[in-house]
Amino acid sequence: RSWGIRFAGRRGGEMRARLGCATMQGILLMVAMRAGCDAALAESKKQFKILPGAAGSVEVALNTPPTADSVCSFSYSGVGATPEQWEIEVRGDAETATITCDVGRVGGQMSYLLFSKVELTIGLPIAEVSAFDNEERLLEDDQFVVDDTRVQNGPNWSGQLRGLSATSESPF
């Protein structure tokens, strides 16, 4: 996926950043060890169906059993005519000490749903967010709100969503 960057910044103090990095690197190391490989990238994904008129949520984690830092969750509600297949993916990169969570239509297709609520949560402070409408345009800053570990629809939310991505900050 080619996600544009919408929001970038640091949150929290230096001590929390170092602790977050150590925790994230530990998670990624455990995932790589359990997988029996020395790959720097770990990922997990899950497909799910969004039913019009029904609220729902889905989550995916990098490791088993999941730890709070490695969990990515997506909550939603909306209306439309037909169910749609969506996908949520969480990726951890030990080289850059980042965890990224992506959610969107399977195959990058246009969504015909109109969302009244969306919320993406990742276990560490968010540094970058990208959100796209059905025309693959970046959503304006006033359409979503980012606070520490969560991205959600904002005061001028249009209801259109084709894809949403959040990346944890790299403390170093």
Protein backbone atom coordinates (compact mmCIF):
# COMPACT_ATOMS: atom_id res chain seq x y z
CA ARG A 1 0.00 0.00 0.00
CA SER A 2 1.13 3.53 -0.62
CA TRP A 3 -0.16 5.55 2.32
CA GLY A 4 0.57 9.27 2.45
CA ILE A 5 1.58 10.88 5.71
CA ARG A 6 -1.03 13.13 7.24
CA PHE A 7 0.13 13.78 10.83
CA ALA A 8 3.57 13.57 12.37
CA GLY A 9 4.76 14.42 15.83
CA ARG A 10 6.15 13.19 19.15
CA ARG A 11 4.24 12.55 22.31
CA GLY A 12 5.35 11.93 25.87
CA GLY A 13 8.66 12.22 27.60
CA GLU A 14 12.02 10.73 26.84
CA MET A 15 11.65 8.01 29.49
CA ARG A 16 8.34 6.79 28.04
CA ALA A 17 9.82 6.87 24.53
CA ARG A 18 12.77 4.71 25.59
CA LEU A 19 10.51 2.31 27.45
CA GLY A 20 8.18 2.12 24.42
CA CYS A 21 11.08 1.38 22.09
CA ALA A 22 12.47 -1.32 24.38
CA THR A 23 9.02 -2.88 24.71
CA MET A 24 8.42 -2.75 20.96
CA GLN A 25 11.83 -4.21 20.14
CA GLY A 26 11.18 -6.99 22.68
CA ILE A 27 7.84 -7.78 21.05
CA LEU A 28 9.38 -7.87 17.59
CA LEU A 29 12.25 -10.06 18.80
CA MET A 30 9.78 -12.51 20.41
CA VAL A 31 7.75 -12.65 17.19
CA ALA A 32 10.86 -13.34 15.10
CA MET A 33 12.06 -16.01 17.55
CA ARG A 34 8.67 -17.75 17.60
CA ALA A 35 8.58 -17.69 13.83
CA GLY A 36 12.03 -19.34 13.78
CA CYS A 37 13.51 -16.71 11.51
CA ASP A 38 15.75 -13.70 11.67
CA ALA A 39 13.50 -11.44 9.58
CA ALA A 40 13.25 -7.82 10.68
CA LEU A 41 9.60 -7.60 9.68
CA ALA A 42 6.70 -9.37 11.37
CA GLU A 43 3.08 -9.07 10.28
CA SER A 44 -0.37 -10.41 10.95
CA LYS A 45 -3.58 -9.74 9.04
CA LYS A 46 -7.21 -10.67 9.13
CA GLN A 47 -10.12 -10.22 6.73
CA PHE A 48 -13.53 -9.30 8.08
CA LYS A 49 -16.96 -8.37 6.77
CA ILE A 50 -18.64 -5.04 7.52
CA LEU A 51 -22.44 -5.30 7.52
CA PRO A 52 -24.41 -2.12 6.77
CA GLY A 53 -26.33 -0.82 9.78
CA ALA A 54 -24.31 -2.88 12.26
CA ALA A 55 -21.54 -1.68 14.55
CA GLY A 56 -18.53 -3.92 14.95
CA SER A 57 -14.89 -4.23 15.84
CA VAL A 58 -11.93 -6.41 14.92
CA GLU A 59 -8.39 -6.72 16.21
CA VAL A 60 -5.15 -8.36 15.20
CA ALA A 61 -1.87 -8.79 17.11
CA LEU A 62 1.75 -9.48 16.22
CA ASN A 63 2.29 -12.13 18.87
CA THR A 64 0.47 -14.89 20.69
CA PRO A 65 -0.61 -14.41 23.36
CA PRO A 66 -1.11 -10.75 22.42
CA THR A 67 0.44 -7.96 24.46
CA ALA A 68 -1.14 -4.51 24.56
CA ASP A 69 1.73 -2.96 22.55
CA SER A 70 1.26 -5.31 19.60
CA VAL A 71 -2.54 -5.12 19.23
CA CYS A 72 -4.23 -3.12 16.49
CA SER A 73 -8.01 -2.71 16.70
CA PHE A 74 -10.63 -1.11 14.45
CA SER A 75 -14.17 -0.19 15.54
CA TYR A 76 -16.84 1.06 13.15
CA SER A 77 -20.50 1.70 12.44
CA GLY A 78 -22.17 2.86 9.27
CA VAL A 79 -24.86 2.43 6.68
CA GLY A 80 -24.94 1.17 3.11
CA ALA A 81 -26.63 -1.30 0.79
CA THR A 82 -24.38 -4.37 0.79
CA PRO A 83 -21.78 -6.03 3.04
CA GLU A 84 -18.09 -5.41 2.21
CA GLN A 85 -14.90 -7.40 2.77
CA TRP A 86 -12.24 -5.41 4.63
CA GLU A 87 -8.78 -6.27 5.92
CA ILE A 88 -6.81 -5.22 8.99
CA GLU A 89 -3.04 -5.70 9.15
CA VAL A 90 -0.41 -4.97 11.78
CA ARG A 91 3.29 -4.92 10.86
CA GLY A 92 6.30 -4.56 13.10
CA ASP A 93 9.71 -3.54 11.82
CA ALA A 94 12.61 -4.19 14.21
CA GLU A 95 15.05 -2.14 12.12
CA THR A 96 12.99 1.06 12.43
CA ALA A 97 11.36 0.13 15.77
CA THR A 98 7.88 0.88 14.41
CA ILE A 99 4.52 -0.84 14.41
CA THR A 100 2.05 0.05 11.65
CA CYS A 101 -1.64 -0.76 11.52
CA ASP A 102 -3.58 -0.57 8.24
CA VAL A 103 -7.27 -1.10 7.59
CA GLY A 104 -9.05 -0.90 4.24
CA ARG A 105 -11.12 -2.64 1.59
CA VAL A 106 -9.66 -5.90 0.34
CA GLY A 107 -7.82 -5.17 -2.90
CA GLY A 108 -8.04 -1.40 -2.33
CA GLN A 109 -11.56 -1.25 -3.76
CA MET A 110 -13.85 1.73 -3.28
CA SER A 111 -16.21 1.51 -0.29
CA TYR A 112 -19.92 2.11 -0.70
CA LEU A 113 -20.48 2.39 3.03
CA LEU A 114 -21.06 5.67 4.82
CA PHE A 115 -19.37 5.43 8.23
CA SER A 116 -20.83 7.24 11.22
CA LYS A 117 -17.95 6.07 13.44
CA VAL A 118 -14.40 4.82 12.84
CA GLU A 119 -11.68 4.28 15.41
CA LEU A 120 -8.24 2.72 14.93
CA THR A 121 -6.15 1.94 18.01
CA ILE A 122 -2.56 0.76 18.18
CA GLY A 123 -0.70 -0.12 21.39
CA LEU A 124 1.98 2.60 21.25
CA PRO A 125 1.93 6.39 20.70
CA ILE A 126 1.05 7.32 17.12
CA ALA A 127 3.47 9.39 15.05
CA GLU A 128 1.96 9.16 11.55
CA VAL A 129 -1.60 8.82 10.28
CA SER A 130 -3.01 8.51 6.77
CA ALA A 131 -6.71 8.40 5.94
CA PHE A 132 -8.15 8.23 2.43
CA ASP A 133 -11.62 8.85 1.02
CA ASN A 134 -13.23 6.88 -1.82
CA GLU A 135 -11.43 8.94 -4.46
CA GLU A 136 -8.07 8.02 -2.83
CA ARG A 137 -7.60 11.60 -1.61
CA LEU A 138 -6.07 12.26 1.79
CA LEU A 139 -8.69 13.32 4.31
CA GLU A 140 -8.33 16.80 5.75
CA ASP A 141 -7.02 17.18 9.32
CA ASP A 142 -10.44 18.24 10.64
CA GLN A 143 -12.03 14.94 9.55
CA PHE A 144 -10.18 12.89 12.15
CA VAL A 145 -8.66 13.27 15.60
CA VAL A 146 -5.41 11.68 16.79
CA ASP A 147 -4.79 11.24 20.50
CA ASP A 148 -1.84 9.24 21.78
CA THR A 149 -2.72 5.68 20.64
CA ARG A 150 -6.05 6.27 18.83
CA VAL A 151 -7.34 7.77 15.57
CA GLN A 152 -11.07 8.48 15.28
CA ASN A 153 -13.49 10.44 13.14
CA GLY A 154 -13.46 14.17 13.90
CA PRO A 155 -15.88 17.10 13.90
CA ASN A 156 -16.10 17.45 10.10
CA TRP A 157 -16.17 13.73 9.30
CA SER A 158 -17.52 13.07 5.78
CA GLY A 159 -18.31 9.40 6.41
CA GLN A 160 -16.17 8.22 3.47
CA LEU A 161 -13.28 5.88 4.13
CA ARG A 162 -11.27 3.72 1.78
CA GLY A 163 -8.23 3.18 3.97
CA LEU A 164 -6.70 4.21 7.29
CA SER A 165 -3.15 3.71 8.55
CA ALA A 166 -1.38 4.55 11.82
CA THR A 167 2.32 4.09 12.66
CA SER A 168 3.80 4.11 16.15
CA GLU A 169 6.54 6.60 16.76
CA SER A 170 10.17 5.59 16.62
CA PRO A 171 11.63 7.10 19.79
CA PHE A 172 15.21 7.30 18.50
